[in-house]
Amino acid sequence: MPVCEVWRLGQVAYQTAWDLQAELVQARSADDAPDRLLLLQHPHTFTLGSAGQDNNVLWDAAERQRRGVELFRIDRGGDVTYHGPGQLVGYPILKLPRGDGPGRRLDVRAYLRNIETVIIRTLADYGISGKPVGGLTGVWVDTPRGEEKICAIGVKINVKGVTKHGFALNINTDLTYFGGIIPCGIQDKGVTSMAALLGGTVDERAVTDRLIDHFGAVFGCEMVVAAPIAGLGNR
């Protein structure tokens, strides 16, 4: 069974994590490193993906500064989302297998479905019924207000088939920060968190432990928690 290293990084500034991903993707592309799953949180941050529209960011620069929110335009798919404390962010750095048919194309859709499955199984452990929604990314739940997103997903895959970016699961997230954006550019659907659905604070470490187990089962790999390599992402 292939090994996937797990790096539990705590809270990491967005730029530092972005730089770290770049280094790890380069190493994995050259087959100089194993598959890895980075698990962390960010300070208050808005990110605009490759399809992001500036007008989906509702707070201007002055308001973002007042609230301590950084803004980054990045190279993942999708529109705008929020990262912050109480949210579990996962960055899988995996080399995806190629198919057996002509051209041996990567099955990107299967990769996204696998991430959704990991999240859905993790939520199920807490009695929360997560689901995909046709035509939209992420994992959603039914609420009295309608379908709301509990986990955003946005990825990039390079020519070597190595993945970057990933998912953001709202555990104890302060949902008021989503008021500064139109999440994913979708105006008629809201966002929620595990804490909001369960009516109280959720043990984030326990959620992370369960997610690691489900990730290994879904992706068919042995999850090995490892210490991060010193200095990476800081050069």
C-alpha atoms as a PDB file:
ATOM      1  CA  MET A   1       0.000   0.000   0.000  1.00  0.00           C
ATOM      2  CA  PRO A   2       1.474   3.397  -0.936  1.00  0.00           C
ATOM      3  CA  VAL A   3       2.316   5.826   1.849  1.00  0.00           C
ATOM      4  CA  CYS A   4       0.888   9.318   2.213  1.00  0.00           C
ATOM      5  CA  GLU A   5       2.679  11.543   4.710  1.00  0.00           C
ATOM      6  CA  VAL A   6       0.487  13.756   6.870  1.00  0.00           C
ATOM      7  CA  TRP A   7       1.826  17.117   7.996  1.00  0.00           C
ATOM      8  CA  ARG A   8      -0.220  18.712  10.788  1.00  0.00           C
ATOM      9  CA  LEU A   9       0.963  22.308  10.632  1.00  0.00           C
ATOM     10  CA  GLY A  10      -1.312  24.313  12.933  1.00  0.00           C
ATOM     11  CA  GLN A  11      -2.025  27.883  11.863  1.00  0.00           C
ATOM     12  CA  VAL A  12       0.062  29.004   8.879  1.00  0.00           C
ATOM     13  CA  ALA A  13       0.026  32.334   7.029  1.00  0.00           C
ATOM     14  CA  TYR A  14      -1.484  31.894   3.577  1.00  0.00           C
ATOM     15  CA  GLN A  15       1.611  33.059   1.683  1.00  0.00           C
ATOM     16  CA  THR A  16       3.819  30.664   3.657  1.00  0.00           C
ATOM     17  CA  ALA A  17       1.523  27.744   2.876  1.00  0.00           C
ATOM     18  CA  TRP A  18       1.344  28.720  -0.801  1.00  0.00           C
ATOM     19  CA  ASP A  19       5.153  28.805  -1.025  1.00  0.00           C
ATOM     20  CA  LEU A  20       5.343  25.468   0.787  1.00  0.00           C
ATOM     21  CA  GLN A  21       2.938  23.869  -1.660  1.00  0.00           C
ATOM     22  CA  ALA A  22       5.039  25.077  -4.588  1.00  0.00           C
ATOM     23  CA  GLU A  23       8.158  23.423  -3.186  1.00  0.00           C
ATOM     24  CA  LEU A  24       6.407  20.161  -2.362  1.00  0.00           C
ATOM     25  CA  VAL A  25       4.696  20.011  -5.773  1.00  0.00           C
ATOM     26  CA  GLN A  26       8.058  20.471  -7.464  1.00  0.00           C
ATOM     27  CA  ALA A  27       9.583  17.651  -5.409  1.00  0.00           C
ATOM     28  CA  ARG A  28       6.645  15.302  -6.013  1.00  0.00           C
ATOM     29  CA  SER A  29       6.687  16.083  -9.751  1.00  0.00           C
ATOM     30  CA  ALA A  30      10.326  14.988  -9.873  1.00  0.00           C
ATOM     31  CA  ASP A  31       9.533  11.836  -7.851  1.00  0.00           C
ATOM     32  CA  ASP A  32      11.810  13.129  -5.103  1.00  0.00           C
ATOM     33  CA  ALA A  33       9.086  13.006  -2.440  1.00  0.00           C
ATOM     34  CA  PRO A  34       6.116  10.874  -1.402  1.00  0.00           C
ATOM     35  CA  ASP A  35       2.469  11.858  -1.592  1.00  0.00           C
ATOM     36  CA  ARG A  36       1.590  14.224   1.246  1.00  0.00           C
ATOM     37  CA  LEU A  37      -1.482  15.702   2.897  1.00  0.00           C
ATOM     38  CA  LEU A  38      -0.979  19.082   4.574  1.00  0.00           C
ATOM     39  CA  LEU A  39      -3.539  19.888   7.273  1.00  0.00           C
ATOM     40  CA  LEU A  40      -3.636  23.384   8.726  1.00  0.00           C
ATOM     41  CA  GLN A  41      -5.574  26.555   9.422  1.00  0.00           C
ATOM     42  CA  HIS A  42      -5.081  30.065   8.095  1.00  0.00           C
ATOM     43  CA  PRO A  43      -5.537  33.506   9.610  1.00  0.00           C
ATOM     44  CA  HIS A  44      -8.452  35.452   8.099  1.00  0.00           C
ATOM     45  CA  THR A  45      -7.950  35.285   4.318  1.00  0.00           C
ATOM     46  CA  PHE A  46      -9.971  35.685   1.128  1.00  0.00           C
ATOM     47  CA  THR A  47      -8.708  33.863  -1.966  1.00  0.00           C
ATOM     48  CA  LEU A  48      -9.826  34.456  -5.544  1.00  0.00           C
ATOM     49  CA  GLY A  49      -9.416  31.501  -7.883  1.00  0.00           C
ATOM     50  CA  SER A  50      -8.795  31.525 -11.621  1.00  0.00           C
ATOM     51  CA  ALA A  51     -12.489  32.154 -12.304  1.00  0.00           C
ATOM     52  CA  GLY A  52     -12.765  34.726  -9.521  1.00  0.00           C
ATOM     53  CA  GLN A  53     -14.646  37.980 -10.089  1.00  0.00           C
ATOM     54  CA  ASP A  54     -13.449  41.033  -8.153  1.00  0.00           C
ATOM     55  CA  ASN A  55     -17.028  42.145  -7.555  1.00  0.00           C
ATOM     56  CA  ASN A  56     -17.624  39.000  -5.494  1.00  0.00           C
ATOM     57  CA  VAL A  57     -15.371  40.538  -2.823  1.00  0.00           C
ATOM     58  CA  LEU A  58     -17.760  42.828  -0.946  1.00  0.00           C
ATOM     59  CA  TRP A  59     -15.395  44.343   1.629  1.00  0.00           C
ATOM     60  CA  ASP A  60     -13.063  46.990   0.235  1.00  0.00           C
ATOM     61  CA  ALA A  61      -9.375  47.235   1.139  1.00  0.00           C
ATOM     62  CA  ALA A  62     -10.043  49.509   4.128  1.00  0.00           C
ATOM     63  CA  GLU A  63     -12.660  47.166   5.585  1.00  0.00           C
ATOM     64  CA  ARG A  64     -10.443  44.133   5.041  1.00  0.00           C
ATOM     65  CA  GLN A  65      -7.586  45.877   6.799  1.00  0.00           C
ATOM     66  CA  ARG A  66      -9.857  46.817   9.703  1.00  0.00           C
ATOM     67  CA  ARG A  67     -10.950  43.218  10.073  1.00  0.00           C
ATOM     68  CA  GLY A  68      -7.468  41.747   9.515  1.00  0.00           C
ATOM     69  CA  VAL A  69      -8.309  39.921   6.291  1.00  0.00           C
ATOM     70  CA  GLU A  70      -5.685  39.368   3.575  1.00  0.00           C
ATOM     71  CA  LEU A  71      -6.651  38.907  -0.084  1.00  0.00           C
ATOM     72  CA  PHE A  72      -4.839  36.643  -2.553  1.00  0.00           C
ATOM     73  CA  ARG A  73      -5.490  35.880  -6.211  1.00  0.00           C
ATOM     74  CA  ILE A  74      -4.348  32.312  -6.753  1.00  0.00           C
ATOM     75  CA  ASP A  75      -4.123  29.576  -9.379  1.00  0.00           C
ATOM     76  CA  ARG A  76      -6.760  27.115  -8.203  1.00  0.00           C
ATOM     77  CA  GLY A  77     -10.096  26.691  -9.934  1.00  0.00           C
ATOM     78  CA  GLY A  78     -13.227  28.420  -8.731  1.00  0.00           C
ATOM     79  CA  ASP A  79     -14.163  31.851  -7.501  1.00  0.00           C
ATOM     80  CA  VAL A  80     -13.751  33.466  -4.072  1.00  0.00           C
ATOM     81  CA  THR A  81     -13.711  31.767  -0.685  1.00  0.00           C
ATOM     82  CA  TYR A  82     -12.763  32.492   2.914  1.00  0.00           C
ATOM     83  CA  HIS A  83     -10.170  30.807   5.142  1.00  0.00           C
ATOM     84  CA  GLY A  84      -9.851  31.417   8.837  1.00  0.00           C
ATOM     85  CA  PRO A  85      -9.510  30.000  12.350  1.00  0.00           C
ATOM     86  CA  GLY A  86     -11.775  27.078  13.150  1.00  0.00           C
ATOM     87  CA  GLN A  87     -11.620  25.800   9.566  1.00  0.00           C
ATOM     88  CA  LEU A  88      -9.702  22.661   8.611  1.00  0.00           C
ATOM     89  CA  VAL A  89      -7.783  23.261   5.375  1.00  0.00           C
ATOM     90  CA  GLY A  90      -6.322  20.296   3.528  1.00  0.00           C
ATOM     91  CA  TYR A  91      -3.751  20.509   0.741  1.00  0.00           C
ATOM     92  CA  PRO A  92      -3.143  17.069  -0.827  1.00  0.00           C
ATOM     93  CA  ILE A  93       0.125  16.919  -2.778  1.00  0.00           C
ATOM     94  CA  LEU A  94      -0.532  13.719  -4.711  1.00  0.00           C
ATOM     95  CA  LYS A  95       0.636  12.315  -8.017  1.00  0.00           C
ATOM     96  CA  LEU A  96      -2.526  11.076  -9.698  1.00  0.00           C
ATOM     97  CA  PRO A  97      -2.430   7.872 -11.736  1.00  0.00           C
ATOM     98  CA  ARG A  98      -3.122   8.069 -15.445  1.00  0.00           C
ATOM     99  CA  GLY A  99      -5.785   5.955 -17.124  1.00  0.00           C
ATOM    100  CA  ASP A 100      -5.143   2.951 -19.341  1.00  0.00           C
ATOM    101  CA  GLY A 101      -6.878   4.277 -22.449  1.00  0.00           C
ATOM    102  CA  PRO A 102      -5.519   6.291 -25.387  1.00  0.00           C
ATOM    103  CA  GLY A 103      -3.632   9.333 -24.175  1.00  0.00           C
ATOM    104  CA  ARG A 104      -3.718   7.967 -20.598  1.00  0.00           C
ATOM    105  CA  ARG A 105      -5.617  10.992 -19.331  1.00  0.00           C
ATOM    106  CA  LEU A 106      -5.840  11.908 -15.667  1.00  0.00           C
ATOM    107  CA  ASP A 107      -9.246  11.324 -14.123  1.00  0.00           C
ATOM    108  CA  VAL A 108      -9.599  14.704 -12.447  1.00  0.00           C
ATOM    109  CA  ARG A 109     -13.301  14.201 -11.837  1.00  0.00           C
ATOM    110  CA  ALA A 110     -12.600  11.017  -9.883  1.00  0.00           C
ATOM    111  CA  TYR A 111     -10.082  12.914  -7.756  1.00  0.00           C
ATOM    112  CA  LEU A 112     -12.647  15.570  -6.885  1.00  0.00           C
ATOM    113  CA  ARG A 113     -15.265  12.910  -6.105  1.00  0.00           C
ATOM    114  CA  ASN A 114     -12.771  11.218  -3.785  1.00  0.00           C
ATOM    115  CA  ILE A 115     -12.215  14.440  -1.863  1.00  0.00           C
ATOM    116  CA  GLU A 116     -15.971  14.886  -1.564  1.00  0.00           C
ATOM    117  CA  THR A 117     -16.274  11.323  -0.285  1.00  0.00           C
ATOM    118  CA  VAL A 118     -13.625  11.921   2.383  1.00  0.00           C
ATOM    119  CA  ILE A 119     -15.526  14.962   3.643  1.00  0.00           C
ATOM    120  CA  ILE A 120     -18.936  13.270   3.464  1.00  0.00           C
ATOM    121  CA  ARG A 121     -17.684  10.285   5.481  1.00  0.00           C
ATOM    122  CA  THR A 122     -16.079  12.567   8.062  1.00  0.00           C
ATOM    123  CA  LEU A 123     -19.314  14.519   8.483  1.00  0.00           C
ATOM    124  CA  ALA A 124     -21.295  11.273   8.746  1.00  0.00           C
ATOM    125  CA  ASP A 125     -19.278  10.367  11.838  1.00  0.00           C
ATOM    126  CA  TYR A 126     -20.967  13.358  13.480  1.00  0.00           C
ATOM    127  CA  GLY A 127     -24.445  12.609  12.207  1.00  0.00           C
ATOM    128  CA  ILE A 128     -24.250  15.265   9.468  1.00  0.00           C
ATOM    129  CA  SER A 129     -25.474  14.285   6.002  1.00  0.00           C
ATOM    130  CA  GLY A 130     -23.188  15.921   3.474  1.00  0.00           C
ATOM    131  CA  LYS A 131     -23.771  15.679  -0.258  1.00  0.00           C
ATOM    132  CA  PRO A 132     -22.505  16.929  -3.617  1.00  0.00           C
ATOM    133  CA  VAL A 133     -24.715  19.262  -5.645  1.00  0.00           C
ATOM    134  CA  GLY A 134     -24.796  18.800  -9.396  1.00  0.00           C
ATOM    135  CA  GLY A 135     -22.919  21.472 -11.305  1.00  0.00           C
ATOM    136  CA  LEU A 136     -21.303  22.897  -8.161  1.00  0.00           C
ATOM    137  CA  THR A 137     -18.115  22.073  -6.292  1.00  0.00           C
ATOM    138  CA  GLY A 138     -17.769  21.306  -2.615  1.00  0.00           C
ATOM    139  CA  VAL A 139     -19.849  19.458  -0.046  1.00  0.00           C
ATOM    140  CA  TRP A 140     -23.285  20.715   0.923  1.00  0.00           C
ATOM    141  CA  VAL A 141     -25.903  20.067   3.587  1.00  0.00           C
ATOM    142  CA  ASP A 142     -29.642  20.577   3.683  1.00  0.00           C
ATOM    143  CA  THR A 143     -30.772  23.157   6.255  1.00  0.00           C
ATOM    144  CA  PRO A 144     -34.077  24.946   6.982  1.00  0.00           C
ATOM    145  CA  ARG A 145     -32.664  27.801   4.875  1.00  0.00           C
ATOM    146  CA  GLY A 146     -31.928  25.539   1.934  1.00  0.00           C
ATOM    147  CA  GLU A 147     -28.700  23.946   0.705  1.00  0.00           C
ATOM    148  CA  GLU A 148     -25.611  25.413   2.364  1.00  0.00           C
ATOM    149  CA  LYS A 149     -21.946  24.717   1.711  1.00  0.00           C
ATOM    150  CA  ILE A 150     -19.951  23.240   4.570  1.00  0.00           C
ATOM    151  CA  CYS A 151     -16.758  22.451   2.643  1.00  0.00           C
ATOM    152  CA  ALA A 152     -15.232  24.336  -0.277  1.00  0.00           C
ATOM    153  CA  ILE A 153     -13.075  22.458  -2.792  1.00  0.00           C
ATOM    154  CA  GLY A 154     -10.727  24.020  -5.339  1.00  0.00           C
ATOM    155  CA  VAL A 155      -7.716  22.358  -6.942  1.00  0.00           C
ATOM    156  CA  LYS A 156      -4.988  22.713  -9.522  1.00  0.00           C
ATOM    157  CA  ILE A 157      -3.203  19.799 -11.206  1.00  0.00           C
ATOM    158  CA  ASN A 158       0.053  20.301 -13.088  1.00  0.00           C
ATOM    159  CA  VAL A 159       1.297  18.599 -16.251  1.00  0.00           C
ATOM    160  CA  LYS A 160       2.923  15.879 -14.159  1.00  0.00           C
ATOM    161  CA  GLY A 161      -0.427  15.027 -12.583  1.00  0.00           C
ATOM    162  CA  VAL A 162       0.481  16.467  -9.175  1.00  0.00           C
ATOM    163  CA  THR A 163      -2.266  18.119  -7.161  1.00  0.00           C
ATOM    164  CA  LYS A 164      -2.211  21.459  -5.362  1.00  0.00           C
ATOM    165  CA  HIS A 165      -4.703  23.380  -3.190  1.00  0.00           C
ATOM    166  CA  GLY A 166      -7.593  21.278  -1.890  1.00  0.00           C
ATOM    167  CA  PHE A 167     -10.465  21.672   0.575  1.00  0.00           C
ATOM    168  CA  ALA A 168     -11.629  23.824   3.478  1.00  0.00           C
ATOM    169  CA  LEU A 169     -14.034  22.251   5.980  1.00  0.00           C
ATOM    170  CA  ASN A 170     -15.913  24.628   8.271  1.00  0.00           C
ATOM    171  CA  ILE A 171     -15.730  23.187  11.790  1.00  0.00           C
ATOM    172  CA  ASN A 172     -15.887  26.095  14.271  1.00  0.00           C
ATOM    173  CA  THR A 173     -15.506  28.797  11.627  1.00  0.00           C
ATOM    174  CA  ASP A 174     -16.765  32.333  12.320  1.00  0.00           C
ATOM    175  CA  LEU A 175     -19.293  32.446   9.501  1.00  0.00           C
ATOM    176  CA  THR A 176     -19.691  36.230   9.691  1.00  0.00           C
ATOM    177  CA  TYR A 177     -16.518  36.571   7.603  1.00  0.00           C
ATOM    178  CA  PHE A 178     -18.352  35.026   4.661  1.00  0.00           C
ATOM    179  CA  GLY A 179     -20.366  38.254   4.699  1.00  0.00           C
ATOM    180  CA  GLY A 180     -17.382  39.932   3.067  1.00  0.00           C
ATOM    181  CA  ILE A 181     -17.710  37.861  -0.104  1.00  0.00           C
ATOM    182  CA  ILE A 182     -20.217  36.140  -2.341  1.00  0.00           C
ATOM    183  CA  PRO A 183     -18.885  32.638  -1.602  1.00  0.00           C
ATOM    184  CA  CYS A 184     -17.858  30.897  -4.808  1.00  0.00           C
ATOM    185  CA  GLY A 185     -19.847  33.566  -6.669  1.00  0.00           C
ATOM    186  CA  ILE A 186     -23.121  31.823  -5.746  1.00  0.00           C
ATOM    187  CA  GLN A 187     -25.697  34.332  -4.545  1.00  0.00           C
ATOM    188  CA  ASP A 188     -28.619  32.059  -3.706  1.00  0.00           C
ATOM    189  CA  LYS A 189     -26.920  29.569  -1.362  1.00  0.00           C
ATOM    190  CA  GLY A 190     -25.399  30.073   2.066  1.00  0.00           C
ATOM    191  CA  VAL A 191     -22.585  28.541   4.103  1.00  0.00           C
ATOM    192  CA  THR A 192     -22.596  26.686   7.387  1.00  0.00           C
ATOM    193  CA  SER A 193     -20.279  24.870   9.787  1.00  0.00           C
ATOM    194  CA  MET A 194     -20.248  21.734  11.872  1.00  0.00           C
ATOM    195  CA  ALA A 195     -20.588  23.845  15.028  1.00  0.00           C
ATOM    196  CA  ALA A 196     -23.631  25.648  13.637  1.00  0.00           C
ATOM    197  CA  LEU A 197     -25.311  22.371  12.718  1.00  0.00           C
ATOM    198  CA  LEU A 198     -24.453  20.603  15.981  1.00  0.00           C
ATOM    199  CA  GLY A 199     -25.177  23.545  18.265  1.00  0.00           C
ATOM    200  CA  GLY A 200     -21.800  23.854  19.946  1.00  0.00           C
ATOM    201  CA  THR A 201     -18.018  23.848  19.631  1.00  0.00           C
ATOM    202  CA  VAL A 202     -16.570  20.759  17.938  1.00  0.00           C
ATOM    203  CA  ASP A 203     -13.247  19.129  18.849  1.00  0.00           C
ATOM    204  CA  GLU A 204     -11.125  20.087  15.831  1.00  0.00           C
ATOM    205  CA  ARG A 205      -8.369  17.591  16.542  1.00  0.00           C
ATOM    206  CA  ALA A 206     -10.874  14.732  16.655  1.00  0.00           C
ATOM    207  CA  VAL A 207     -12.358  15.829  13.312  1.00  0.00           C
ATOM    208  CA  THR A 208      -8.856  15.939  11.840  1.00  0.00           C
ATOM    209  CA  ASP A 209      -8.101  12.421  13.117  1.00  0.00           C
ATOM    210  CA  ARG A 210     -11.262  11.073  11.519  1.00  0.00           C
ATOM    211  CA  LEU A 211     -10.577  12.854   8.240  1.00  0.00           C
ATOM    212  CA  ILE A 212      -7.079  11.359   8.061  1.00  0.00           C
ATOM    213  CA  ASP A 213      -8.513   7.863   8.473  1.00  0.00           C
ATOM    214  CA  HIS A 214     -11.129   8.418   5.787  1.00  0.00           C
ATOM    215  CA  PHE A 215      -8.581   9.946   3.418  1.00  0.00           C
ATOM    216  CA  GLY A 216      -6.435   6.818   3.670  1.00  0.00           C
ATOM    217  CA  ALA A 217      -9.418   4.539   3.079  1.00  0.00           C
ATOM    218  CA  VAL A 218     -10.752   6.481   0.090  1.00  0.00           C
ATOM    219  CA  PHE A 219      -7.389   7.020  -1.604  1.00  0.00           C
ATOM    220  CA  GLY A 220      -6.053   3.565  -0.744  1.00  0.00           C
ATOM    221  CA  CYS A 221      -2.933   4.664   1.092  1.00  0.00           C
ATOM    222  CA  GLU A 222      -1.289   4.293   4.478  1.00  0.00           C
ATOM    223  CA  MET A 223      -1.431   7.605   6.325  1.00  0.00           C
ATOM    224  CA  VAL A 224       1.794   8.294   8.224  1.00  0.00           C
ATOM    225  CA  VAL A 225       2.010  11.406  10.383  1.00  0.00           C
ATOM    226  CA  ALA A 226       5.441  12.968   9.830  1.00  0.00           C
ATOM    227  CA  ALA A 227       7.318  16.017  11.029  1.00  0.00           C
ATOM    228  CA  PRO A 228       7.544  18.776   8.399  1.00  0.00           C
ATOM    229  CA  ILE A 229      10.918  19.321   6.758  1.00  0.00           C
ATOM    230  CA  ALA A 230      12.562  22.283   8.467  1.00  0.00           C
ATOM    231  CA  GLY A 231      12.931  25.424   6.347  1.00  0.00           C
ATOM    232  CA  LEU A 232      10.503  24.504   3.605  1.00  0.00           C
ATOM    233  CA  GLY A 233       8.197  27.359   2.670  1.00  0.00           C
ATOM    234  CA  ASN A 234      10.423  29.916   4.379  1.00  0.00           C
ATOM    235  CA  ARG A 235      13.074  30.405   1.738  1.00  0.00           C
END
